[in-house]
């Protein structure tokens, strides 16, 4: 049983493990603001590439982060990052960003700069009248919201995840992204202690969502 009417759901996992689809389903089911932190790192990466910065230019990266104003626009049930008032567009899903995002996301200065911004999405959700927040990423239940009301960790075989990306018409270096995500010094990808781990390899979306909905529903029933 939980005692607060405002809930935070943390969903972690590697690329194509099912985070986004399940997070959107939970957002709809429980009236939660959906926050895709991967899109935040993609937006930052796109900005760095636009400025011609490389991952080894730490002074340029730090200067950019220090001067770019980060705000949030709520579109429907989703949070969108604004950089100096501009919402990142479709370029964040392009191949250039896809190839570079794990490298920029591994930089400690980048992760530290986004820490407070990501935690601040809870206040965005409250202000927008949502019942809570569902945030997906790679360090949500371990670093961003270690005390989240519910924490899930999704995983699947690399081959299955690569197949999922290919079926979407996307090229994604799954193995390389896993290596970078799990070996970075700051907030490496790992199942947070106490989180419910779900192997989605042989599950469809409805089955994955059902395994997440069950404990949330049980906890919310008395409220």
N, C-alpha and C. Protein backbone atom coordinates (compact mmCIF):
# COMPACT_ATOMS: atom_id res chain seq x y z
N UNK A 1 0.85 -1.20 0.00
CA UNK A 1 0.00 0.00 0.00
C UNK A 1 0.88 1.25 0.00
N UNK A 2 0.50 2.26 -0.77
CA UNK A 2 1.23 3.52 -0.74
C UNK A 2 0.35 4.59 -0.09
N UNK A 3 1.01 5.65 0.37
CA UNK A 3 0.28 6.66 1.13
C UNK A 3 0.13 7.97 0.37
N UNK A 4 0.85 8.15 -0.73
CA UNK A 4 0.79 9.39 -1.49
C UNK A 4 -0.07 9.20 -2.73
N UNK A 5 -0.83 10.22 -3.08
CA UNK A 5 -1.66 10.15 -4.28
C UNK A 5 -0.85 10.43 -5.54
N UNK A 6 0.35 11.00 -5.40
CA UNK A 6 1.23 11.28 -6.53
C UNK A 6 2.27 10.18 -6.61
N UNK A 7 2.34 9.50 -7.75
CA UNK A 7 3.25 8.38 -7.87
C UNK A 7 4.32 8.65 -8.92
N UNK A 8 5.46 8.01 -8.74
CA UNK A 8 6.56 8.08 -9.71
C UNK A 8 6.91 6.65 -10.11
N UNK A 9 6.86 6.40 -11.42
CA UNK A 9 7.20 5.09 -11.96
C UNK A 9 8.50 5.21 -12.74
N UNK A 10 9.50 4.43 -12.37
CA UNK A 10 10.81 4.45 -13.04
C UNK A 10 10.94 3.20 -13.89
N UNK A 11 11.27 3.38 -15.16
CA UNK A 11 11.47 2.25 -16.07
C UNK A 11 12.86 2.37 -16.69
N UNK A 12 13.70 1.40 -16.42
CA UNK A 12 15.06 1.38 -16.98
C UNK A 12 15.23 0.19 -17.91
N UNK A 13 16.24 0.29 -18.77
CA UNK A 13 16.54 -0.81 -19.68
C UNK A 13 17.34 -0.33 -20.88
N UNK A 14 17.87 -1.26 -21.63
CA UNK A 14 18.66 -0.93 -22.79
C UNK A 14 17.80 -0.55 -23.98
N UNK A 15 18.47 -0.22 -25.09
CA UNK A 15 17.76 0.18 -26.31
C UNK A 15 16.85 -0.95 -26.79
N UNK A 16 15.62 -0.59 -27.19
CA UNK A 16 14.64 -1.52 -27.76
C UNK A 16 14.24 -2.63 -26.80
N UNK A 17 14.29 -2.35 -25.51
CA UNK A 17 13.84 -3.34 -24.53
C UNK A 17 12.35 -3.22 -24.25
N UNK A 18 11.72 -2.15 -24.75
CA UNK A 18 10.28 -1.95 -24.57
C UNK A 18 9.92 -0.82 -23.64
N UNK A 19 10.88 0.00 -23.27
CA UNK A 19 10.64 1.07 -22.31
C UNK A 19 9.58 2.07 -22.79
N UNK A 20 9.77 2.59 -23.99
CA UNK A 20 8.90 3.67 -24.46
C UNK A 20 7.46 3.22 -24.64
N UNK A 21 7.27 2.06 -25.26
CA UNK A 21 5.91 1.57 -25.50
C UNK A 21 5.18 1.30 -24.19
N UNK A 22 5.87 0.67 -23.23
CA UNK A 22 5.23 0.37 -21.95
C UNK A 22 5.01 1.65 -21.14
N UNK A 23 5.94 2.59 -21.22
CA UNK A 23 5.77 3.84 -20.49
C UNK A 23 4.57 4.62 -21.00
N UNK A 24 4.41 4.65 -22.33
CA UNK A 24 3.25 5.35 -22.89
C UNK A 24 1.94 4.67 -22.46
N UNK A 25 1.96 3.35 -22.39
CA UNK A 25 0.76 2.61 -21.97
C UNK A 25 0.42 2.92 -20.52
N UNK A 26 1.42 2.97 -19.66
CA UNK A 26 1.19 3.29 -18.25
C UNK A 26 0.73 4.73 -18.10
N UNK A 27 1.29 5.61 -18.91
CA UNK A 27 0.88 7.02 -18.88
C UNK A 27 -0.61 7.15 -19.14
N UNK A 28 -1.08 6.42 -20.14
CA UNK A 28 -2.50 6.46 -20.51
C UNK A 28 -3.37 5.81 -19.43
N UNK A 29 -2.90 4.70 -18.91
CA UNK A 29 -3.69 3.92 -17.96
C UNK A 29 -3.88 4.65 -16.64
N UNK A 30 -2.82 5.31 -16.15
CA UNK A 30 -2.87 5.89 -14.81
C UNK A 30 -2.80 7.43 -14.79
N UNK A 31 -2.91 8.07 -15.95
CA UNK A 31 -2.84 9.54 -16.04
C UNK A 31 -1.50 10.05 -15.50
N UNK A 32 -0.42 9.58 -16.10
CA UNK A 32 0.92 9.97 -15.70
C UNK A 32 1.59 10.77 -16.82
N UNK A 33 2.39 11.75 -16.46
CA UNK A 33 3.21 12.44 -17.45
C UNK A 33 4.31 11.50 -17.91
N UNK A 34 4.44 11.30 -19.21
CA UNK A 34 5.46 10.42 -19.77
C UNK A 34 6.72 11.23 -20.06
N UNK A 35 7.83 10.79 -19.48
CA UNK A 35 9.11 11.46 -19.70
C UNK A 35 10.11 10.45 -20.26
N UNK A 36 10.54 10.68 -21.48
CA UNK A 36 11.54 9.84 -22.15
C UNK A 36 12.88 10.55 -22.00
N UNK A 37 13.68 10.15 -21.02
CA UNK A 37 14.95 10.84 -20.80
C UNK A 37 15.93 10.59 -21.94
N UNK A 38 15.73 9.51 -22.69
CA UNK A 38 16.57 9.29 -23.85
C UNK A 38 16.43 10.44 -24.84
N UNK A 39 15.22 10.99 -24.96
CA UNK A 39 15.02 12.12 -25.87
C UNK A 39 15.76 13.36 -25.37
N UNK A 40 15.93 13.47 -24.04
CA UNK A 40 16.70 14.59 -23.49
C UNK A 40 18.16 14.50 -23.93
N UNK A 41 18.72 13.31 -23.77
CA UNK A 41 20.12 13.13 -24.17
C UNK A 41 20.28 13.25 -25.68
N UNK A 42 19.28 12.83 -26.43
CA UNK A 42 19.33 13.00 -27.87
C UNK A 42 19.27 14.48 -28.24
N UNK A 43 18.44 15.24 -27.54
CA UNK A 43 18.35 16.67 -27.82
C UNK A 43 19.66 17.38 -27.52
N UNK A 44 20.29 17.02 -26.40
CA UNK A 44 21.59 17.60 -26.05
C UNK A 44 22.63 17.21 -27.09
N UNK A 45 22.61 15.93 -27.50
CA UNK A 45 23.56 15.47 -28.51
C UNK A 45 23.38 16.23 -29.82
N UNK A 46 22.14 16.41 -30.25
CA UNK A 46 21.86 17.14 -31.48
C UNK A 46 22.40 18.56 -31.39
N UNK A 47 22.26 19.17 -30.22
CA UNK A 47 22.76 20.53 -30.03
C UNK A 47 24.28 20.57 -30.11
N UNK A 48 24.93 19.59 -29.51
CA UNK A 48 26.39 19.53 -29.56
C UNK A 48 26.87 19.34 -31.01
N UNK A 49 26.21 18.45 -31.74
CA UNK A 49 26.59 18.22 -33.13
C UNK A 49 26.33 19.46 -33.98
N UNK A 50 25.25 20.15 -33.70
CA UNK A 50 24.93 21.37 -34.44
C UNK A 50 26.01 22.42 -34.26
N UNK A 51 26.62 22.42 -33.07
CA UNK A 51 27.68 23.38 -32.78
C UNK A 51 29.06 22.87 -33.18
N UNK A 52 29.09 21.68 -33.76
CA UNK A 52 30.36 21.14 -34.21
C UNK A 52 31.25 20.61 -33.11
N UNK A 53 30.67 20.26 -31.97
CA UNK A 53 31.45 19.78 -30.84
C UNK A 53 31.63 18.27 -30.89
N UNK A 54 32.81 17.82 -30.50
CA UNK A 54 33.09 16.39 -30.40
C UNK A 54 33.11 15.98 -28.93
N UNK A 55 33.05 14.68 -28.69
CA UNK A 55 32.96 14.21 -27.30
C UNK A 55 34.23 14.48 -26.50
N UNK A 56 35.37 14.73 -27.17
CA UNK A 56 36.59 15.01 -26.43
C UNK A 56 36.78 16.50 -26.15
N UNK A 57 35.84 17.34 -26.61
CA UNK A 57 35.91 18.77 -26.35
C UNK A 57 35.13 19.09 -25.08
N UNK A 58 35.69 18.71 -23.94
CA UNK A 58 34.96 18.86 -22.68
C UNK A 58 34.72 20.31 -22.31
N UNK A 59 35.66 21.18 -22.63
CA UNK A 59 35.47 22.60 -22.30
C UNK A 59 34.32 23.19 -23.12
N UNK A 60 34.26 22.82 -24.41
CA UNK A 60 33.17 23.32 -25.24
C UNK A 60 31.83 22.75 -24.82
N UNK A 61 31.81 21.48 -24.44
CA UNK A 61 30.57 20.84 -23.98
C UNK A 61 30.10 21.48 -22.68
N UNK A 62 31.02 21.69 -21.75
CA UNK A 62 30.67 22.29 -20.46
C UNK A 62 30.15 23.71 -20.65
N UNK A 63 30.78 24.47 -21.54
CA UNK A 63 30.35 25.85 -21.79
C UNK A 63 28.96 25.88 -22.40
N UNK A 64 28.69 24.95 -23.32
CA UNK A 64 27.38 24.88 -23.94
C UNK A 64 26.31 24.56 -22.92
N UNK A 65 26.55 23.56 -22.11
CA UNK A 65 25.59 23.16 -21.09
C UNK A 65 25.32 24.30 -20.11
N UNK A 66 26.37 25.03 -19.75
CA UNK A 66 26.22 26.11 -18.78
C UNK A 66 25.36 27.26 -19.30
N UNK A 67 25.33 27.43 -20.62
CA UNK A 67 24.64 28.60 -21.17
C UNK A 67 23.31 28.29 -21.86
N UNK A 68 23.02 27.01 -22.10
CA UNK A 68 21.74 26.66 -22.73
C UNK A 68 20.67 26.56 -21.65
N UNK A 69 19.55 27.23 -21.86
CA UNK A 69 18.45 27.22 -20.90
C UNK A 69 17.52 26.04 -21.22
N UNK A 70 17.35 25.17 -20.25
CA UNK A 70 16.52 23.98 -20.43
C UNK A 70 15.17 24.17 -19.74
N UNK A 71 14.10 24.06 -20.51
CA UNK A 71 12.74 24.14 -19.97
C UNK A 71 11.95 22.96 -20.55
N UNK A 72 10.70 22.85 -20.15
CA UNK A 72 9.89 21.71 -20.57
C UNK A 72 8.56 22.18 -21.15
N UNK A 73 8.18 21.59 -22.26
CA UNK A 73 6.87 21.82 -22.85
C UNK A 73 6.08 20.52 -22.76
N UNK A 74 4.88 20.57 -22.21
CA UNK A 74 4.03 19.39 -22.13
C UNK A 74 3.17 19.33 -23.37
N UNK A 75 3.34 18.26 -24.13
CA UNK A 75 2.54 18.03 -25.33
C UNK A 75 1.71 16.77 -25.12
N UNK A 76 0.40 16.94 -24.94
CA UNK A 76 -0.45 15.79 -24.63
C UNK A 76 -0.06 15.22 -23.28
N UNK A 77 0.42 13.98 -23.27
CA UNK A 77 0.86 13.35 -22.03
C UNK A 77 2.38 13.27 -21.92
N UNK A 78 3.09 13.92 -22.84
CA UNK A 78 4.53 13.77 -22.89
C UNK A 78 5.27 15.07 -22.60
N UNK A 79 6.44 14.95 -22.00
CA UNK A 79 7.31 16.09 -21.74
C UNK A 79 8.30 16.24 -22.88
N UNK A 80 8.47 17.45 -23.38
CA UNK A 80 9.42 17.73 -24.45
C UNK A 80 10.44 18.76 -23.95
N UNK A 81 11.71 18.45 -24.14
CA UNK A 81 12.76 19.38 -23.72
C UNK A 81 12.82 20.57 -24.69
N UNK A 82 12.95 21.76 -24.09
CA UNK A 82 13.17 22.97 -24.86
C UNK A 82 14.59 23.48 -24.56
N UNK A 83 15.33 23.77 -25.59
CA UNK A 83 16.66 24.35 -25.45
C UNK A 83 16.59 25.79 -25.91
N UNK A 84 16.72 26.70 -24.95
CA UNK A 84 16.57 28.13 -25.23
C UNK A 84 15.23 28.41 -25.91
N UNK A 85 14.19 27.71 -25.45
CA UNK A 85 12.85 27.94 -25.95
C UNK A 85 12.50 27.19 -27.21
N UNK A 86 13.42 26.37 -27.75
CA UNK A 86 13.18 25.64 -28.99
C UNK A 86 13.04 24.16 -28.67
N UNK A 87 11.92 23.57 -29.10
CA UNK A 87 11.70 22.14 -28.90
C UNK A 87 12.49 21.36 -29.93
N UNK A 88 13.24 20.35 -29.46
CA UNK A 88 14.01 19.52 -30.38
C UNK A 88 13.08 18.82 -31.36
N UNK A 89 13.48 18.77 -32.62
CA UNK A 89 12.64 18.18 -33.65
C UNK A 89 13.03 16.76 -34.01
N UNK A 90 12.67 16.35 -35.20
CA UNK A 90 12.90 14.98 -35.65
C UNK A 90 14.37 14.65 -35.82
N UNK A 91 15.24 15.68 -35.83
CA UNK A 91 16.66 15.40 -35.99
C UNK A 91 17.23 14.54 -34.86
N UNK A 92 16.55 14.51 -33.72
CA UNK A 92 17.09 13.72 -32.61
C UNK A 92 16.96 12.22 -32.87
N UNK A 93 16.18 11.83 -33.88
CA UNK A 93 16.04 10.41 -34.23
C UNK A 93 16.87 10.04 -35.46
N UNK A 94 17.64 10.98 -35.96
CA UNK A 94 18.46 10.72 -37.14
C UNK A 94 19.66 9.87 -36.84
N UNK A 95 20.32 9.38 -37.88
CA UNK A 95 21.45 8.46 -37.72
C UNK A 95 22.63 9.12 -37.03
N UNK A 96 22.88 10.40 -37.30
CA UNK A 96 24.03 11.08 -36.68
C UNK A 96 23.88 11.11 -35.17
N UNK A 97 22.69 11.47 -34.69
CA UNK A 97 22.43 11.49 -33.25
C UNK A 97 22.44 10.07 -32.69
N UNK A 98 21.83 9.15 -33.42
CA UNK A 98 21.76 7.76 -32.96
C UNK A 98 23.16 7.18 -32.72
N UNK A 99 24.10 7.52 -33.60
CA UNK A 99 25.44 6.99 -33.48
C UNK A 99 26.23 7.67 -32.36
N UNK A 100 25.87 8.90 -32.02
CA UNK A 100 26.67 9.67 -31.07
C UNK A 100 26.09 9.76 -29.67
N UNK A 101 24.80 9.47 -29.50
CA UNK A 101 24.15 9.79 -28.23
C UNK A 101 24.75 9.04 -27.05
N UNK A 102 25.09 7.76 -27.19
CA UNK A 102 25.66 7.03 -26.06
C UNK A 102 27.02 7.59 -25.65
N UNK A 103 27.76 8.14 -26.63
CA UNK A 103 29.07 8.72 -26.33
C UNK A 103 28.92 10.02 -25.54
N UNK A 104 28.00 10.87 -25.96
CA UNK A 104 27.77 12.11 -25.21
C UNK A 104 27.13 11.82 -23.85
N UNK A 105 26.23 10.84 -23.80
CA UNK A 105 25.55 10.51 -22.55
C UNK A 105 26.50 9.92 -21.52
N UNK A 106 27.64 9.41 -21.96
CA UNK A 106 28.61 8.83 -21.03
C UNK A 106 29.48 9.89 -20.35
N UNK A 107 29.40 11.13 -20.81
CA UNK A 107 30.23 12.20 -20.25
C UNK A 107 29.65 12.63 -18.90
N UNK A 108 30.43 12.53 -17.81
CA UNK A 108 29.90 12.87 -16.48
C UNK A 108 29.32 14.27 -16.40
N UNK A 109 29.94 15.24 -17.07
CA UNK A 109 29.44 16.62 -17.01
C UNK A 109 28.05 16.73 -17.62
N UNK A 110 27.80 15.96 -18.65
CA UNK A 110 26.47 15.98 -19.28
C UNK A 110 25.43 15.37 -18.35
N UNK A 111 25.76 14.24 -17.78
CA UNK A 111 24.81 13.57 -16.89
C UNK A 111 24.53 14.42 -15.65
N UNK A 112 25.56 15.04 -15.10
CA UNK A 112 25.36 15.87 -13.91
C UNK A 112 24.49 17.08 -14.24
N UNK A 113 24.70 17.65 -15.42
CA UNK A 113 23.93 18.83 -15.81
C UNK A 113 22.45 18.52 -15.96
N UNK A 114 22.12 17.28 -16.36
CA UNK A 114 20.72 16.92 -16.58
C UNK A 114 20.05 16.34 -15.33
N UNK A 115 20.81 16.11 -14.28
CA UNK A 115 20.25 15.47 -13.08
C UNK A 115 19.10 16.28 -12.49
N UNK A 116 19.33 17.54 -12.19
CA UNK A 116 18.29 18.38 -11.58
C UNK A 116 17.13 18.59 -12.54
N UNK A 117 17.44 18.73 -13.83
CA UNK A 117 16.38 18.94 -14.82
C UNK A 117 15.45 17.75 -14.86
N UNK A 118 16.01 16.55 -14.86
CA UNK A 118 15.18 15.34 -14.90
C UNK A 118 14.34 15.21 -13.64
N UNK A 119 14.95 15.45 -12.49
CA UNK A 119 14.17 15.37 -11.24
C UNK A 119 13.07 16.42 -11.22
N UNK A 120 13.31 17.54 -11.87
CA UNK A 120 12.31 18.61 -11.90
C UNK A 120 11.07 18.26 -12.70
N UNK A 121 11.11 17.17 -13.45
CA UNK A 121 9.92 16.78 -14.23
C UNK A 121 8.77 16.35 -13.32
N UNK A 122 9.09 15.97 -12.09
CA UNK A 122 8.02 15.64 -11.14
C UNK A 122 7.16 16.87 -10.86
N UNK A 123 7.80 18.03 -10.71
CA UNK A 123 7.06 19.27 -10.47
C UNK A 123 6.29 19.69 -11.72
N UNK A 124 6.86 19.42 -12.90
CA UNK A 124 6.15 19.69 -14.14
C UNK A 124 4.86 18.87 -14.18
N UNK A 125 4.96 17.60 -13.80
CA UNK A 125 3.79 16.72 -13.79
C UNK A 125 2.74 17.21 -12.79
N UNK A 126 3.19 17.58 -11.61
CA UNK A 126 2.24 18.10 -10.60
C UNK A 126 1.56 19.36 -11.11
N UNK A 127 2.35 20.26 -11.66
CA UNK A 127 1.80 21.52 -12.13
C UNK A 127 0.82 21.36 -13.27
N UNK A 128 1.00 20.30 -14.06
CA UNK A 128 0.12 20.06 -15.20
C UNK A 128 -1.10 19.21 -14.82
N UNK A 129 -1.20 18.84 -13.54
CA UNK A 129 -2.39 18.12 -13.08
C UNK A 129 -2.39 16.63 -13.28
N UNK A 130 -1.22 16.03 -13.51
CA UNK A 130 -1.15 14.58 -13.67
C UNK A 130 -1.15 13.89 -12.31
N UNK A 131 -1.57 12.63 -12.33
CA UNK A 131 -1.58 11.84 -11.09
C UNK A 131 -0.16 11.45 -10.67
N UNK A 132 0.74 11.52 -11.62
CA UNK A 132 2.12 11.15 -11.31
C UNK A 132 2.98 11.25 -12.55
N UNK A 133 4.10 10.55 -12.49
CA UNK A 133 5.13 10.63 -13.52
C UNK A 133 5.60 9.22 -13.85
N UNK A 134 5.75 8.91 -15.15
CA UNK A 134 6.42 7.69 -15.56
C UNK A 134 7.63 8.11 -16.37
N UNK A 135 8.81 7.79 -15.87
CA UNK A 135 10.06 8.22 -16.51
C UNK A 135 10.86 7.00 -16.93
N UNK A 136 11.30 7.03 -18.17
CA UNK A 136 12.08 5.91 -18.72
C UNK A 136 13.49 6.36 -19.05
N UNK A 137 14.43 5.43 -18.90
CA UNK A 137 15.82 5.75 -19.20
C UNK A 137 16.73 4.61 -18.84
N UNK A 138 17.92 4.96 -18.36
CA UNK A 138 18.91 3.95 -18.02
C UNK A 138 19.43 4.08 -16.59
N UNK A 139 19.05 5.15 -15.91
CA UNK A 139 19.49 5.32 -14.52
C UNK A 139 18.39 5.94 -13.66
N UNK A 140 17.15 5.73 -14.07
CA UNK A 140 16.04 6.39 -13.38
C UNK A 140 15.82 5.82 -11.98
N UNK A 141 15.72 4.48 -11.89
CA UNK A 141 15.49 3.87 -10.59
C UNK A 141 16.72 3.79 -9.72
N UNK A 142 17.89 4.05 -10.29
CA UNK A 142 19.13 3.97 -9.51
C UNK A 142 19.67 5.34 -9.11
N UNK A 143 19.48 6.37 -9.96
CA UNK A 143 20.09 7.67 -9.70
C UNK A 143 19.05 8.80 -9.65
N UNK A 144 18.21 8.89 -10.66
CA UNK A 144 17.30 10.04 -10.75
C UNK A 144 16.22 9.96 -9.67
N UNK A 145 15.51 8.82 -9.61
CA UNK A 145 14.48 8.62 -8.59
C UNK A 145 14.69 7.27 -7.90
N UNK A 146 15.74 7.14 -7.08
CA UNK A 146 15.97 5.86 -6.40
C UNK A 146 14.85 5.49 -5.44
N UNK A 147 14.05 6.48 -5.03
CA UNK A 147 12.92 6.22 -4.13
C UNK A 147 11.59 6.27 -4.87
N UNK A 148 11.63 6.00 -6.18
CA UNK A 148 10.39 6.00 -6.97
C UNK A 148 9.38 5.03 -6.38
N UNK A 149 8.12 5.34 -6.54
CA UNK A 149 7.06 4.49 -5.99
C UNK A 149 7.12 3.09 -6.58
N UNK A 150 7.41 3.01 -7.88
CA UNK A 150 7.54 1.72 -8.56
C UNK A 150 8.76 1.79 -9.47
N UNK A 151 9.53 0.70 -9.47
CA UNK A 151 10.74 0.64 -10.31
C UNK A 151 10.74 -0.66 -11.11
N UNK A 152 10.94 -0.51 -12.41
CA UNK A 152 10.97 -1.66 -13.31
C UNK A 152 12.26 -1.63 -14.14
N UNK A 153 12.74 -2.82 -14.48
CA UNK A 153 13.92 -2.93 -15.35
C UNK A 153 13.59 -3.90 -16.46
N UNK A 154 13.58 -3.41 -17.71
CA UNK A 154 13.25 -4.23 -18.86
C UNK A 154 14.51 -4.69 -19.57
N UNK A 155 14.51 -5.93 -19.98
CA UNK A 155 15.67 -6.48 -20.69
C UNK A 155 15.17 -7.44 -21.76
N UNK A 156 16.02 -7.68 -22.76
CA UNK A 156 15.69 -8.61 -23.84
C UNK A 156 16.98 -9.00 -24.53
N UNK A 157 16.95 -10.13 -25.22
CA UNK A 157 18.12 -10.59 -25.95
C UNK A 157 18.54 -9.54 -26.98
N UNK A 158 19.84 -9.32 -27.16
CA UNK A 158 20.32 -8.34 -28.14
C UNK A 158 19.79 -8.60 -29.55
N UNK A 159 19.70 -9.88 -29.93
CA UNK A 159 19.22 -10.20 -31.26
C UNK A 159 17.77 -9.76 -31.45
N UNK A 160 16.95 -9.96 -30.43
CA UNK A 160 15.55 -9.56 -30.50
C UNK A 160 15.44 -8.03 -30.55
N UNK A 161 16.27 -7.36 -29.79
CA UNK A 161 16.21 -5.90 -29.79
C UNK A 161 16.66 -5.33 -31.13
N UNK A 162 17.66 -5.95 -31.73
CA UNK A 162 18.10 -5.52 -33.06
C UNK A 162 16.99 -5.75 -34.09
N UNK A 163 16.28 -6.88 -33.95
CA UNK A 163 15.17 -7.17 -34.86
C UNK A 163 14.08 -6.13 -34.74
N UNK A 164 13.79 -5.72 -33.51
CA UNK A 164 12.76 -4.70 -33.28
C UNK A 164 13.14 -3.38 -33.95
N UNK A 165 14.38 -2.99 -33.80
CA UNK A 165 14.82 -1.75 -34.44
C UNK A 165 14.72 -1.86 -35.96
N UNK A 166 15.14 -2.99 -36.49
CA UNK A 166 15.10 -3.18 -37.95
C UNK A 166 13.66 -3.13 -38.46
N UNK A 167 12.72 -3.69 -37.69
CA UNK A 167 11.32 -3.69 -38.10
C UNK A 167 10.74 -2.28 -38.12
N UNK A 168 11.37 -1.37 -37.39
CA UNK A 168 10.96 0.03 -37.37
C UNK A 168 11.70 0.84 -38.43
N UNK A 169 12.55 0.15 -39.20
CA UNK A 169 13.30 0.84 -40.23
C UNK A 169 14.47 1.63 -39.70
N UNK A 170 14.95 1.27 -38.50
CA UNK A 170 16.04 1.99 -37.88
C UNK A 170 17.29 1.13 -37.80
N UNK A 171 18.43 1.81 -37.93
CA UNK A 171 19.72 1.15 -37.71
C UNK A 171 20.23 1.57 -36.35
N UNK A 172 20.44 0.61 -35.48
CA UNK A 172 20.84 0.92 -34.11
C UNK A 172 21.95 -0.05 -33.68
N UNK A 173 23.14 0.46 -33.33
CA UNK A 173 24.24 -0.42 -32.89
C UNK A 173 24.00 -0.92 -31.47
N UNK A 174 23.10 -1.87 -31.33
CA UNK A 174 22.65 -2.33 -30.02
C UNK A 174 23.81 -2.75 -29.12
N UNK A 175 24.69 -3.63 -29.63
CA UNK A 175 25.78 -4.16 -28.81
C UNK A 175 26.71 -3.04 -28.34
N UNK A 176 27.03 -2.10 -29.24
CA UNK A 176 27.93 -1.01 -28.87
C UNK A 176 27.27 -0.09 -27.86
N UNK A 177 25.99 0.21 -28.03
CA UNK A 177 25.30 1.06 -27.07
C UNK A 177 25.22 0.38 -25.71
N UNK A 178 24.97 -0.93 -25.69
CA UNK A 178 24.95 -1.66 -24.42
C UNK A 178 26.30 -1.55 -23.72
N UNK A 179 27.38 -1.72 -24.49
CA UNK A 179 28.71 -1.66 -23.90
C UNK A 179 28.98 -0.28 -23.30
N UNK A 180 28.65 0.76 -24.04
CA UNK A 180 28.89 2.12 -23.55
C UNK A 180 28.01 2.42 -22.33
N UNK A 181 26.74 2.01 -22.41
CA UNK A 181 25.82 2.30 -21.32
C UNK A 181 26.19 1.57 -20.04
N UNK A 182 26.66 0.33 -20.15
CA UNK A 182 26.92 -0.48 -18.96
C UNK A 182 28.32 -0.29 -18.38
N UNK A 183 29.23 0.33 -19.14
CA UNK A 183 30.61 0.48 -18.66
C UNK A 183 30.99 1.92 -18.34
N UNK A 184 30.09 2.89 -18.60
CA UNK A 184 30.45 4.26 -18.31
C UNK A 184 30.67 4.43 -16.80
N UNK A 185 31.50 5.40 -16.42
CA UNK A 185 31.85 5.59 -15.02
C UNK A 185 30.69 6.17 -14.21
N UNK A 186 29.91 7.02 -14.86
CA UNK A 186 28.81 7.68 -14.15
C UNK A 186 27.48 7.03 -14.50
N UNK A 187 26.76 6.55 -13.49
CA UNK A 187 25.42 5.98 -13.66
C UNK A 187 25.35 4.93 -14.75
N UNK A 188 26.13 3.85 -14.64
CA UNK A 188 26.06 2.80 -15.66
C UNK A 188 24.70 2.10 -15.64
N UNK A 189 24.33 1.56 -16.80
CA UNK A 189 23.07 0.83 -16.90
C UNK A 189 23.16 -0.46 -16.09
N UNK A 190 22.24 -0.64 -15.15
CA UNK A 190 22.18 -1.84 -14.33
C UNK A 190 20.80 -1.91 -13.70
N UNK A 191 20.37 -3.11 -13.38
CA UNK A 191 19.08 -3.27 -12.72
C UNK A 191 19.20 -2.76 -11.29
N UNK A 192 18.43 -1.74 -10.91
CA UNK A 192 18.51 -1.21 -9.55
C UNK A 192 18.07 -2.26 -8.52
N UNK A 193 18.74 -2.34 -7.39
CA UNK A 193 18.32 -3.28 -6.35
C UNK A 193 16.86 -3.04 -5.96
N UNK A 194 16.09 -4.09 -5.93
CA UNK A 194 14.69 -3.98 -5.55
C UNK A 194 13.73 -3.72 -6.69
N UNK A 195 14.26 -3.43 -7.89
CA UNK A 195 13.39 -3.20 -9.05
C UNK A 195 12.85 -4.52 -9.57
N UNK A 196 11.67 -4.47 -10.18
CA UNK A 196 11.09 -5.67 -10.79
C UNK A 196 11.67 -5.83 -12.19
N UNK A 197 12.46 -6.88 -12.42
CA UNK A 197 13.06 -7.14 -13.73
C UNK A 197 12.10 -7.95 -14.59
N UNK A 198 11.95 -7.51 -15.83
CA UNK A 198 11.05 -8.19 -16.77
C UNK A 198 11.81 -8.46 -18.06
N UNK A 199 11.91 -9.73 -18.44
CA UNK A 199 12.53 -10.10 -19.70
C UNK A 199 11.45 -10.05 -20.78
N UNK A 200 11.60 -9.10 -21.72
CA UNK A 200 10.56 -8.88 -22.73
C UNK A 200 10.82 -9.64 -24.03
N UNK A 201 11.86 -10.47 -24.07
CA UNK A 201 12.25 -11.13 -25.32
C UNK A 201 11.09 -11.84 -26.00
N UNK A 202 10.32 -12.59 -25.22
CA UNK A 202 9.24 -13.41 -25.80
C UNK A 202 7.86 -12.92 -25.37
N UNK A 203 7.77 -11.66 -24.94
CA UNK A 203 6.50 -11.10 -24.52
C UNK A 203 6.04 -10.03 -25.51
N UNK A 204 4.73 -9.95 -25.73
CA UNK A 204 4.24 -8.83 -26.52
C UNK A 204 3.98 -7.65 -25.59
N UNK A 205 3.65 -6.51 -26.16
CA UNK A 205 3.49 -5.29 -25.37
C UNK A 205 2.43 -5.45 -24.29
N UNK A 206 1.30 -6.05 -24.63
CA UNK A 206 0.22 -6.21 -23.66
C UNK A 206 0.67 -7.04 -22.47
N UNK A 207 1.48 -8.06 -22.72
CA UNK A 207 1.97 -8.91 -21.63
C UNK A 207 2.96 -8.17 -20.74
N UNK A 208 3.82 -7.36 -21.35
CA UNK A 208 4.77 -6.56 -20.57
C UNK A 208 4.03 -5.57 -19.69
N UNK A 209 3.09 -4.86 -20.30
CA UNK A 209 2.34 -3.85 -19.57
C UNK A 209 1.56 -4.49 -18.42
N UNK A 210 0.98 -5.65 -18.66
CA UNK A 210 0.20 -6.33 -17.62
C UNK A 210 1.06 -6.63 -16.40
N UNK A 211 2.31 -6.99 -16.61
CA UNK A 211 3.19 -7.30 -15.48
C UNK A 211 3.56 -6.05 -14.69
N UNK A 212 3.44 -4.91 -15.32
CA UNK A 212 3.72 -3.65 -14.62
C UNK A 212 2.45 -3.09 -13.98
N UNK A 213 1.35 -3.26 -14.67
CA UNK A 213 0.08 -2.73 -14.16
C UNK A 213 -0.33 -3.43 -12.87
N UNK A 214 -0.08 -4.73 -12.78
CA UNK A 214 -0.56 -5.50 -11.63
C UNK A 214 -0.09 -4.94 -10.29
N UNK A 215 1.22 -4.74 -10.07
CA UNK A 215 1.64 -4.22 -8.76
C UNK A 215 1.20 -2.78 -8.53
N UNK A 216 1.11 -1.99 -9.61
CA UNK A 216 0.67 -0.60 -9.44
C UNK A 216 -0.79 -0.57 -9.01
N UNK A 217 -1.61 -1.36 -9.67
CA UNK A 217 -3.03 -1.41 -9.34
C UNK A 217 -3.27 -1.88 -7.91
N UNK A 218 -2.53 -2.93 -7.51
CA UNK A 218 -2.68 -3.42 -6.15
C UNK A 218 -2.35 -2.33 -5.12
N UNK A 219 -1.31 -1.56 -5.39
CA UNK A 219 -0.88 -0.53 -4.44
C UNK A 219 -1.82 0.66 -4.43
N UNK A 220 -2.47 0.93 -5.56
CA UNK A 220 -3.31 2.11 -5.67
C UNK A 220 -4.76 1.88 -5.23
N UNK A 221 -5.18 0.64 -5.15
CA UNK A 221 -6.58 0.33 -4.87
C UNK A 221 -7.14 1.04 -3.62
N UNK A 222 -6.41 1.14 -2.52
CA UNK A 222 -6.98 1.79 -1.35
C UNK A 222 -7.09 3.30 -1.47
N UNK A 223 -6.39 3.92 -2.46
CA UNK A 223 -6.39 5.37 -2.56
C UNK A 223 -7.64 5.89 -3.22
